[in-house]
Amino acid sequence: MNRRPSSCDHGTSAIEFALLAPVFALLLLGLIDVGRYTYFAILAAHAARAGVQYGAQNVYSAADTTGMQNASQADVPSGFTALASHYCMLSGTIVTCSTGTPTNANTYYVKVIVSGTFHSIFKYPGIPQSVTVGSTAQMRVVAQ
């Protein structure tokens, strides 16, 4: 026996769609913002890595903090900052790097910190609209 739907059932799917469409739209916008945040975090990580790769070539490029910062800044959009430094370790203790001729007793390291601010497209209740994005990379200097 075939039962025909009553006349009051005809608009229920349209009403369900009208109720759920804003929820799906908010989920989509949230997903877009999470993707954008992840993209900027990946950019910061790659920029920090590019800076330490520049500095880790030899002890002379390790002392070139401006060059490391420029290498990092080339990989991120404006608004991000890069802070480069170098340090030496001797038997597990941080020591002052020797000036002039490098010594083999010290192990040279470079470090770059990249940070910036991510601004979401929309303001979500309970979630801050601006979040700091950052990454740190350090590497041992290859040619010492």
N, C-alpha and C. Protein backbone atom coordinates (compact mmCIF):
# COMPACT_ATOMS: atom_id res chain seq x y z
N MET A 1 0.81 -1.16 0.00
CA MET A 1 0.00 0.00 0.00
C MET A 1 0.88 1.25 0.00
N ASN A 2 0.67 2.11 -0.92
CA ASN A 2 1.40 3.37 -0.99
C ASN A 2 0.68 4.43 -0.19
N ARG A 3 1.46 5.07 0.61
CA ARG A 3 0.89 6.12 1.44
C ARG A 3 1.35 7.45 0.89
N ARG A 4 0.48 8.32 0.64
CA ARG A 4 0.81 9.64 0.13
C ARG A 4 1.09 10.57 1.30
N PRO A 5 2.16 11.38 1.19
CA PRO A 5 2.43 12.31 2.28
C PRO A 5 1.32 13.34 2.41
N SER A 6 1.09 13.71 3.62
CA SER A 6 0.04 14.71 3.83
C SER A 6 0.53 16.08 3.35
N SER A 7 -0.36 16.96 3.16
CA SER A 7 -0.02 18.27 2.58
C SER A 7 0.84 19.12 3.50
N CYS A 8 0.90 18.81 4.79
CA CYS A 8 1.71 19.63 5.71
C CYS A 8 3.18 19.26 5.68
N ASP A 9 3.60 18.19 4.99
CA ASP A 9 5.00 17.77 4.93
C ASP A 9 5.79 18.39 3.78
N HIS A 10 5.17 19.16 2.94
CA HIS A 10 5.83 19.64 1.73
C HIS A 10 6.95 20.64 2.00
N GLY A 11 6.88 21.49 2.99
CA GLY A 11 7.88 22.53 3.20
C GLY A 11 8.90 22.24 4.29
N THR A 12 8.90 21.04 4.86
CA THR A 12 9.82 20.76 5.97
C THR A 12 11.28 20.77 5.56
N SER A 13 11.60 20.27 4.39
CA SER A 13 13.01 20.26 3.99
C SER A 13 13.51 21.68 3.74
N ALA A 14 12.67 22.56 3.24
CA ALA A 14 13.07 23.95 3.04
C ALA A 14 13.29 24.64 4.38
N ILE A 15 12.46 24.33 5.35
CA ILE A 15 12.61 24.92 6.69
C ILE A 15 13.88 24.39 7.35
N GLU A 16 14.14 23.09 7.22
CA GLU A 16 15.37 22.52 7.79
C GLU A 16 16.60 23.16 7.16
N PHE A 17 16.58 23.34 5.85
CA PHE A 17 17.70 23.98 5.18
C PHE A 17 17.87 25.41 5.67
N ALA A 18 16.78 26.16 5.83
CA ALA A 18 16.85 27.54 6.28
C ALA A 18 17.41 27.63 7.70
N LEU A 19 17.15 26.63 8.52
CA LEU A 19 17.67 26.64 9.88
C LEU A 19 19.14 26.23 9.94
N LEU A 20 19.56 25.31 9.10
CA LEU A 20 20.93 24.80 9.16
C LEU A 20 21.93 25.57 8.28
N ALA A 21 21.47 26.33 7.32
CA ALA A 21 22.38 27.06 6.42
C ALA A 21 23.27 28.05 7.18
N PRO A 22 22.76 28.83 8.13
CA PRO A 22 23.68 29.73 8.87
C PRO A 22 24.72 28.97 9.70
N VAL A 23 24.35 27.83 10.24
CA VAL A 23 25.31 27.03 11.01
C VAL A 23 26.44 26.55 10.10
N PHE A 24 26.08 26.05 8.93
CA PHE A 24 27.09 25.59 7.98
C PHE A 24 27.95 26.75 7.49
N ALA A 25 27.37 27.92 7.30
CA ALA A 25 28.14 29.09 6.87
C ALA A 25 29.16 29.49 7.95
N LEU A 26 28.75 29.47 9.22
CA LEU A 26 29.69 29.79 10.30
C LEU A 26 30.80 28.75 10.40
N LEU A 27 30.47 27.49 10.21
CA LEU A 27 31.51 26.45 10.21
C LEU A 27 32.50 26.65 9.07
N LEU A 28 32.00 27.02 7.90
CA LEU A 28 32.87 27.26 6.76
C LEU A 28 33.79 28.46 7.01
N LEU A 29 33.25 29.54 7.57
CA LEU A 29 34.07 30.71 7.86
C LEU A 29 35.13 30.40 8.93
N GLY A 30 34.75 29.63 9.93
CA GLY A 30 35.72 29.22 10.94
C GLY A 30 36.82 28.36 10.35
N LEU A 31 36.45 27.47 9.44
CA LEU A 31 37.45 26.63 8.78
C LEU A 31 38.40 27.46 7.93
N ILE A 32 37.89 28.47 7.29
CA ILE A 32 38.75 29.36 6.48
C ILE A 32 39.75 30.08 7.38
N ASP A 33 39.30 30.59 8.53
CA ASP A 33 40.21 31.28 9.44
C ASP A 33 41.26 30.34 10.03
N VAL A 34 40.88 29.12 10.36
CA VAL A 34 41.86 28.15 10.87
C VAL A 34 42.90 27.84 9.79
N GLY A 35 42.46 27.72 8.56
CA GLY A 35 43.39 27.50 7.45
C GLY A 35 44.34 28.67 7.26
N ARG A 36 43.83 29.89 7.37
CA ARG A 36 44.69 31.07 7.24
C ARG A 36 45.71 31.13 8.37
N TYR A 37 45.29 30.82 9.60
CA TYR A 37 46.22 30.82 10.73
C TYR A 37 47.33 29.79 10.51
N THR A 38 46.94 28.61 10.05
CA THR A 38 47.93 27.56 9.78
C THR A 38 48.91 27.99 8.69
N TYR A 39 48.40 28.66 7.68
CA TYR A 39 49.24 29.15 6.59
C TYR A 39 50.28 30.14 7.11
N PHE A 40 49.87 31.10 7.96
CA PHE A 40 50.80 32.07 8.50
C PHE A 40 51.80 31.41 9.46
N ALA A 41 51.37 30.40 10.20
CA ALA A 41 52.30 29.68 11.09
C ALA A 41 53.35 28.94 10.27
N ILE A 42 52.95 28.35 9.15
CA ILE A 42 53.91 27.67 8.28
C ILE A 42 54.88 28.68 7.66
N LEU A 43 54.36 29.85 7.25
CA LEU A 43 55.24 30.89 6.72
C LEU A 43 56.28 31.32 7.74
N ALA A 44 55.87 31.49 9.00
CA ALA A 44 56.80 31.90 10.04
C ALA A 44 57.86 30.82 10.27
N ALA A 45 57.46 29.55 10.26
CA ALA A 45 58.42 28.46 10.46
C ALA A 45 59.42 28.40 9.31
N HIS A 46 58.96 28.57 8.10
CA HIS A 46 59.87 28.52 6.95
C HIS A 46 60.80 29.73 6.93
N ALA A 47 60.30 30.89 7.35
CA ALA A 47 61.16 32.07 7.38
C ALA A 47 62.25 31.93 8.43
N ALA A 48 61.92 31.39 9.60
CA ALA A 48 62.94 31.17 10.63
C ALA A 48 63.98 30.18 10.13
N ARG A 49 63.52 29.16 9.45
CA ARG A 49 64.45 28.15 8.92
C ARG A 49 65.37 28.76 7.85
N ALA A 50 64.83 29.64 7.00
CA ALA A 50 65.65 30.29 5.97
C ALA A 50 66.72 31.17 6.60
N GLY A 51 66.38 31.85 7.69
CA GLY A 51 67.35 32.70 8.37
C GLY A 51 68.50 31.91 8.97
N VAL A 52 68.19 30.79 9.63
CA VAL A 52 69.27 30.00 10.23
C VAL A 52 70.08 29.27 9.17
N GLN A 53 69.47 28.93 8.05
CA GLN A 53 70.25 28.31 6.98
C GLN A 53 71.27 29.29 6.41
N TYR A 54 70.88 30.56 6.33
CA TYR A 54 71.84 31.56 5.89
C TYR A 54 72.98 31.69 6.89
N GLY A 55 72.65 31.74 8.17
CA GLY A 55 73.67 31.95 9.19
C GLY A 55 74.54 30.75 9.47
N ALA A 56 74.04 29.55 9.16
CA ALA A 56 74.78 28.34 9.50
C ALA A 56 75.84 27.95 8.47
N GLN A 57 76.07 28.77 7.47
CA GLN A 57 77.05 28.42 6.44
C GLN A 57 78.47 28.42 6.99
N ASN A 58 78.84 29.45 7.74
CA ASN A 58 80.17 29.54 8.35
C ASN A 58 80.09 30.55 9.49
N VAL A 59 81.18 30.71 10.23
CA VAL A 59 81.16 31.59 11.40
C VAL A 59 81.01 33.06 11.01
N TYR A 60 81.40 33.41 9.80
CA TYR A 60 81.28 34.80 9.38
C TYR A 60 79.84 35.15 9.04
N SER A 61 79.12 34.23 8.41
CA SER A 61 77.69 34.47 8.16
C SER A 61 76.89 34.32 9.45
N ALA A 62 77.41 33.56 10.42
CA ALA A 62 76.73 33.44 11.71
C ALA A 62 76.76 34.77 12.46
N ALA A 63 77.81 35.55 12.26
CA ALA A 63 77.90 36.85 12.91
C ALA A 63 77.09 37.92 12.18
N ASP A 64 76.62 37.61 10.97
CA ASP A 64 75.85 38.56 10.16
C ASP A 64 74.37 38.46 10.53
N THR A 65 73.99 39.04 11.65
CA THR A 65 72.59 38.96 12.08
C THR A 65 71.66 39.72 11.14
N THR A 66 72.14 40.78 10.54
CA THR A 66 71.32 41.52 9.57
C THR A 66 71.00 40.66 8.36
N GLY A 67 71.98 39.91 7.87
CA GLY A 67 71.76 39.01 6.74
C GLY A 67 70.76 37.91 7.07
N MET A 68 70.84 37.37 8.30
CA MET A 68 69.88 36.33 8.70
C MET A 68 68.47 36.92 8.79
N GLN A 69 68.37 38.13 9.33
CA GLN A 69 67.05 38.76 9.43
C GLN A 69 66.48 39.08 8.05
N ASN A 70 67.33 39.53 7.13
CA ASN A 70 66.86 39.81 5.77
C ASN A 70 66.42 38.54 5.06
N ALA A 71 67.14 37.45 5.27
CA ALA A 71 66.75 36.18 4.67
C ALA A 71 65.40 35.72 5.21
N SER A 72 65.15 35.97 6.48
CA SER A 72 63.86 35.61 7.07
C SER A 72 62.75 36.52 6.59
N GLN A 73 63.02 37.82 6.53
CA GLN A 73 62.00 38.78 6.12
C GLN A 73 61.56 38.57 4.68
N ALA A 74 62.42 37.98 3.86
CA ALA A 74 62.06 37.75 2.46
C ALA A 74 60.97 36.69 2.32
N ASP A 75 60.76 35.88 3.34
CA ASP A 75 59.79 34.78 3.26
C ASP A 75 58.46 35.06 3.93
N VAL A 76 58.30 36.19 4.59
CA VAL A 76 57.06 36.48 5.30
C VAL A 76 56.44 37.78 4.80
N PRO A 77 55.13 37.94 4.97
CA PRO A 77 54.51 39.21 4.58
C PRO A 77 54.90 40.33 5.54
N SER A 78 54.59 41.54 5.15
CA SER A 78 54.90 42.68 6.02
C SER A 78 54.11 42.55 7.32
N GLY A 79 54.70 43.06 8.38
CA GLY A 79 54.08 42.95 9.69
C GLY A 79 54.73 41.89 10.57
N PHE A 80 55.52 41.02 9.98
CA PHE A 80 56.26 40.02 10.75
C PHE A 80 57.66 40.56 11.03
N THR A 81 58.21 40.19 12.16
CA THR A 81 59.55 40.62 12.52
C THR A 81 60.44 39.40 12.73
N ALA A 82 61.72 39.58 12.46
CA ALA A 82 62.70 38.52 12.65
C ALA A 82 63.80 39.04 13.55
N LEU A 83 64.18 38.22 14.52
CA LEU A 83 65.25 38.56 15.45
C LEU A 83 66.29 37.45 15.37
N ALA A 84 67.50 37.79 14.95
CA ALA A 84 68.56 36.80 14.77
C ALA A 84 69.64 36.98 15.82
N SER A 85 70.25 35.88 16.22
CA SER A 85 71.36 35.94 17.17
C SER A 85 72.27 34.74 16.94
N HIS A 86 73.44 34.82 17.51
CA HIS A 86 74.37 33.69 17.47
C HIS A 86 74.97 33.53 18.86
N TYR A 87 75.36 32.32 19.17
CA TYR A 87 75.99 32.05 20.45
C TYR A 87 76.92 30.87 20.31
N CYS A 88 77.77 30.70 21.30
CA CYS A 88 78.75 29.61 21.28
C CYS A 88 78.56 28.75 22.52
N MET A 89 78.88 27.48 22.39
CA MET A 89 78.81 26.56 23.51
C MET A 89 80.15 25.84 23.65
N LEU A 90 80.55 25.66 24.87
CA LEU A 90 81.76 24.93 25.19
C LEU A 90 81.42 23.95 26.30
N SER A 91 81.45 22.68 26.00
CA SER A 91 81.11 21.62 26.95
C SER A 91 79.72 21.80 27.55
N GLY A 92 78.76 22.17 26.70
CA GLY A 92 77.38 22.29 27.15
C GLY A 92 77.04 23.59 27.84
N THR A 93 77.98 24.54 27.92
CA THR A 93 77.74 25.82 28.57
C THR A 93 77.85 26.93 27.54
N ILE A 94 76.93 27.88 27.58
CA ILE A 94 76.99 29.01 26.66
C ILE A 94 78.12 29.93 27.09
N VAL A 95 79.01 30.23 26.13
CA VAL A 95 80.16 31.09 26.39
C VAL A 95 80.17 32.21 25.36
N THR A 96 81.02 33.20 25.60
CA THR A 96 81.18 34.30 24.66
C THR A 96 81.94 33.79 23.44
N CYS A 97 81.45 34.12 22.27
CA CYS A 97 82.13 33.70 21.04
C CYS A 97 83.43 34.48 20.90
N SER A 98 84.47 33.78 20.47
CA SER A 98 85.76 34.44 20.29
C SER A 98 85.70 35.31 19.04
N THR A 99 86.34 36.46 19.12
CA THR A 99 86.39 37.35 17.97
C THR A 99 87.67 37.07 17.19
N GLY A 100 87.67 37.46 15.95
CA GLY A 100 88.85 37.21 15.12
C GLY A 100 88.81 35.80 14.58
N THR A 101 89.87 35.04 14.79
CA THR A 101 89.96 33.69 14.26
C THR A 101 89.09 32.74 15.09
N PRO A 102 88.18 32.02 14.45
CA PRO A 102 87.34 31.09 15.19
C PRO A 102 88.16 29.94 15.76
N THR A 103 87.80 29.51 16.94
CA THR A 103 88.48 28.38 17.55
C THR A 103 87.61 27.14 17.46
N ASN A 104 88.21 25.99 17.40
CA ASN A 104 87.46 24.74 17.33
C ASN A 104 86.92 24.31 18.68
N ALA A 105 87.37 24.97 19.75
CA ALA A 105 86.89 24.60 21.08
C ALA A 105 85.43 25.00 21.26
N ASN A 106 85.02 26.10 20.63
CA ASN A 106 83.64 26.56 20.73
C ASN A 106 82.81 25.96 19.60
N THR A 107 81.57 25.64 19.91
CA THR A 107 80.63 25.22 18.89
C THR A 107 79.67 26.38 18.66
N TYR A 108 79.61 26.87 17.43
CA TYR A 108 78.81 28.03 17.09
C TYR A 108 77.39 27.60 16.72
N TYR A 109 76.42 28.39 17.18
CA TYR A 109 75.01 28.16 16.86
C TYR A 109 74.38 29.48 16.42
N VAL A 110 73.37 29.39 15.58
CA VAL A 110 72.59 30.56 15.18
C VAL A 110 71.13 30.29 15.54
N LYS A 111 70.43 31.37 15.82
CA LYS A 111 69.03 31.26 16.23
C LYS A 111 68.24 32.41 15.62
N VAL A 112 67.08 32.13 15.06
CA VAL A 112 66.22 33.16 14.49
C VAL A 112 64.81 32.97 15.04
N ILE A 113 64.23 34.06 15.52
CA ILE A 113 62.86 34.06 16.03
C ILE A 113 62.03 34.95 15.11
N VAL A 114 60.99 34.39 14.53
CA VAL A 114 60.08 35.14 13.65
C VAL A 114 58.73 35.21 14.34
N SER A 115 58.15 36.40 14.39
CA SER A 115 56.84 36.54 15.01
C SER A 115 56.03 37.61 14.28
N GLY A 116 54.73 37.46 14.36
CA GLY A 116 53.80 38.40 13.75
C GLY A 116 52.43 38.23 14.37
N THR A 117 51.49 39.01 13.91
CA THR A 117 50.14 38.97 14.45
C THR A 117 49.18 38.53 13.36
N PHE A 118 48.36 37.54 13.69
CA PHE A 118 47.32 37.06 12.78
C PHE A 118 46.01 37.70 13.18
N HIS A 119 45.30 38.26 12.20
CA HIS A 119 43.99 38.86 12.43
C HIS A 119 42.95 38.02 11.71
N SER A 120 41.96 37.54 12.46
CA SER A 120 40.92 36.73 11.84
C SER A 120 40.00 37.62 11.01
N ILE A 121 39.31 37.01 10.08
CA ILE A 121 38.42 37.75 9.19
C ILE A 121 37.20 38.26 9.96
N PHE A 122 36.66 37.42 10.82
CA PHE A 122 35.46 37.78 11.58
C PHE A 122 35.74 37.69 13.08
N LYS A 123 34.91 38.35 13.84
CA LYS A 123 35.02 38.28 15.30
C LYS A 123 34.10 37.17 15.78
N TYR A 124 34.71 36.17 16.44
CA TYR A 124 33.96 35.05 16.99
C TYR A 124 33.79 35.26 18.49
N PRO A 125 32.64 34.95 19.03
CA PRO A 125 32.45 35.14 20.47
C PRO A 125 33.35 34.22 21.28
N GLY A 126 34.06 34.79 22.25
CA GLY A 126 34.93 34.01 23.12
C GLY A 126 36.31 33.73 22.56
N ILE A 127 36.59 34.15 21.34
CA ILE A 127 37.89 33.90 20.70
C ILE A 127 38.49 35.26 20.34
N PRO A 128 39.76 35.52 20.71
CA PRO A 128 40.36 36.82 20.38
C PRO A 128 40.51 36.98 18.87
N GLN A 129 40.34 38.21 18.40
CA GLN A 129 40.43 38.47 16.96
C GLN A 129 41.87 38.52 16.47
N SER A 130 42.83 38.83 17.36
CA SER A 130 44.24 38.88 17.00
C SER A 130 45.00 37.85 17.83
N VAL A 131 45.86 37.09 17.15
CA VAL A 131 46.65 36.05 17.80
C VAL A 131 48.09 36.18 17.30
N THR A 132 49.04 36.03 18.21
CA THR A 132 50.45 36.08 17.82
C THR A 132 50.88 34.76 17.20
N VAL A 133 51.52 34.85 16.06
CA VAL A 133 52.05 33.69 15.35
C VAL A 133 53.56 33.80 15.39
N GLY A 134 54.24 32.73 15.75
CA GLY A 134 55.69 32.80 15.81
C GLY A 134 56.35 31.45 15.67
N SER A 135 57.63 31.50 15.37
CA SER A 135 58.41 30.28 15.24
C SER A 135 59.87 30.59 15.56
N THR A 136 60.54 29.60 16.12
CA THR A 136 61.96 29.73 16.45
C THR A 136 62.71 28.59 15.79
N ALA A 137 63.85 28.91 15.21
CA ALA A 137 64.70 27.88 14.62
C ALA A 137 66.13 28.13 15.07
N GLN A 138 66.85 27.08 15.35
CA GLN A 138 68.27 27.20 15.66
C GLN A 138 69.01 26.06 14.98
N MET A 139 70.27 26.35 14.66
CA MET A 139 71.05 25.38 13.92
C MET A 139 72.52 25.55 14.27
N ARG A 140 73.24 24.47 14.25
CA ARG A 140 74.69 24.52 14.47
C ARG A 140 75.37 25.00 13.19
N VAL A 141 76.38 25.84 13.35
CA VAL A 141 77.11 26.36 12.22
C VAL A 141 77.96 25.24 11.63
N VAL A 142 77.88 25.06 10.32
CA VAL A 142 78.51 23.92 9.67
C VAL A 142 80.02 24.07 9.61
N ALA A 143 80.52 25.13 8.98
CA ALA A 143 81.96 25.30 8.80
C ALA A 143 82.51 26.17 9.92
N GLN A 144 83.28 25.54 10.80
CA GLN A 144 83.83 26.29 11.94
C GLN A 144 85.33 26.32 11.89
